């Protein structure tokens, strides 16, 4: 069971980080594009700011796994104890 929980956590982390990496590339470049004006420029700024929040959440979730291991809890046990 523990091995499956670790595999699941690793898979989730990978599946979340892959699109986030692509978003980061776009969010870093897009807001400064001179052809963007009005609503498009505002949307680019919003994407830029929101992707940073997503990165923080994903990083925090990934950081929980070592803490759970140190406490000798599986992710499943931790969820059930909430």
Protein backbone atom coordinates (compact mmCIF):
# COMPACT_ATOMS: atom_id res chain seq x y z
CA UNK A 1 0.00 0.00 0.00
CA UNK A 2 2.80 2.44 0.90
CA UNK A 3 4.58 1.84 -2.41
CA UNK A 4 1.37 2.59 -4.32
CA UNK A 5 0.85 5.79 -2.32
CA UNK A 6 4.41 6.91 -3.11
CA UNK A 7 3.95 6.07 -6.78
CA UNK A 8 0.68 8.01 -6.85
CA UNK A 9 2.29 11.05 -5.17
CA UNK A 10 5.16 10.95 -7.66
CA UNK A 11 2.80 10.65 -10.61
CA UNK A 12 0.63 13.53 -9.39
CA UNK A 13 3.67 15.71 -8.84
CA UNK A 14 4.95 14.99 -12.35
CA UNK A 15 1.55 15.51 -13.96
CA UNK A 16 1.14 18.87 -12.25
CA UNK A 17 4.67 20.14 -12.79
CA UNK A 18 4.78 19.37 -16.52
CA UNK A 19 2.01 21.79 -17.56
CA UNK A 20 3.20 24.27 -14.95
CA UNK A 21 6.62 24.34 -16.60
CA UNK A 22 5.00 25.17 -19.94
CA UNK A 23 2.85 27.85 -18.29
CA UNK A 24 5.93 29.35 -16.68
CA UNK A 25 7.64 29.77 -20.02
CA UNK A 26 4.60 31.51 -21.51
CA UNK A 27 3.90 33.57 -18.39
CA UNK A 28 7.47 34.86 -18.35
CA UNK A 29 7.41 35.99 -21.97
CA UNK A 30 3.81 36.93 -22.75
CA UNK A 31 3.19 39.93 -20.43
CA UNK A 32 6.01 41.92 -22.01
CA UNK A 33 4.92 41.28 -25.60
CA UNK A 34 4.50 44.67 -27.34
CA UNK A 35 1.56 43.46 -29.45
CA UNK A 36 -0.67 42.85 -26.42
CA UNK A 37 -3.00 45.65 -25.47
CA UNK A 38 -6.18 46.08 -23.48
CA UNK A 39 -7.89 42.88 -22.39
CA UNK A 40 -5.17 40.66 -23.87
CA UNK A 41 -2.47 42.46 -21.86
CA UNK A 42 -4.59 42.21 -18.70
CA UNK A 43 -5.17 38.49 -19.31
CA UNK A 44 -1.43 37.93 -19.82
CA UNK A 45 -0.71 39.67 -16.51
CA UNK A 46 -3.35 37.54 -14.77
CA UNK A 47 -1.81 34.32 -16.14
CA UNK A 48 1.61 35.50 -15.02
CA UNK A 49 0.44 36.14 -11.46
CA UNK A 50 -1.75 33.03 -11.16
CA UNK A 51 0.92 30.62 -12.34
CA UNK A 52 3.13 31.73 -9.46
CA UNK A 53 0.39 30.81 -7.00
CA UNK A 54 -0.02 27.41 -8.63
CA UNK A 55 3.72 26.82 -8.40
CA UNK A 56 3.67 27.60 -4.69
CA UNK A 57 0.78 25.22 -4.03
CA UNK A 58 2.34 22.39 -6.05
CA UNK A 59 5.70 22.91 -4.36
CA UNK A 60 4.08 22.86 -0.93
CA UNK A 61 2.18 19.67 -1.73
CA UNK A 62 5.36 18.01 -2.97
CA UNK A 63 7.12 19.14 0.20
CA UNK A 64 4.55 17.42 2.38
CA UNK A 65 5.57 13.95 1.26
CA UNK A 66 8.96 13.96 3.07
CA UNK A 67 7.25 15.32 6.20
CA UNK A 68 4.69 12.51 6.07
CA UNK A 69 7.46 9.96 5.67
CA UNK A 70 9.31 11.44 8.65
CA UNK A 71 6.13 11.13 10.72
CA UNK A 72 5.75 7.59 9.41
CA UNK A 73 2.40 8.42 7.86
CA UNK A 74 1.31 7.48 4.39
CA UNK A 75 -0.51 10.13 2.33
CA UNK A 76 -3.67 8.05 2.78
CA UNK A 77 -3.31 8.02 6.57
CA UNK A 78 -2.69 11.75 6.61
CA UNK A 79 -5.83 12.42 4.57
CA UNK A 80 -7.97 10.22 6.80
CA UNK A 81 -6.70 12.00 9.92
CA UNK A 82 -7.92 15.43 8.73
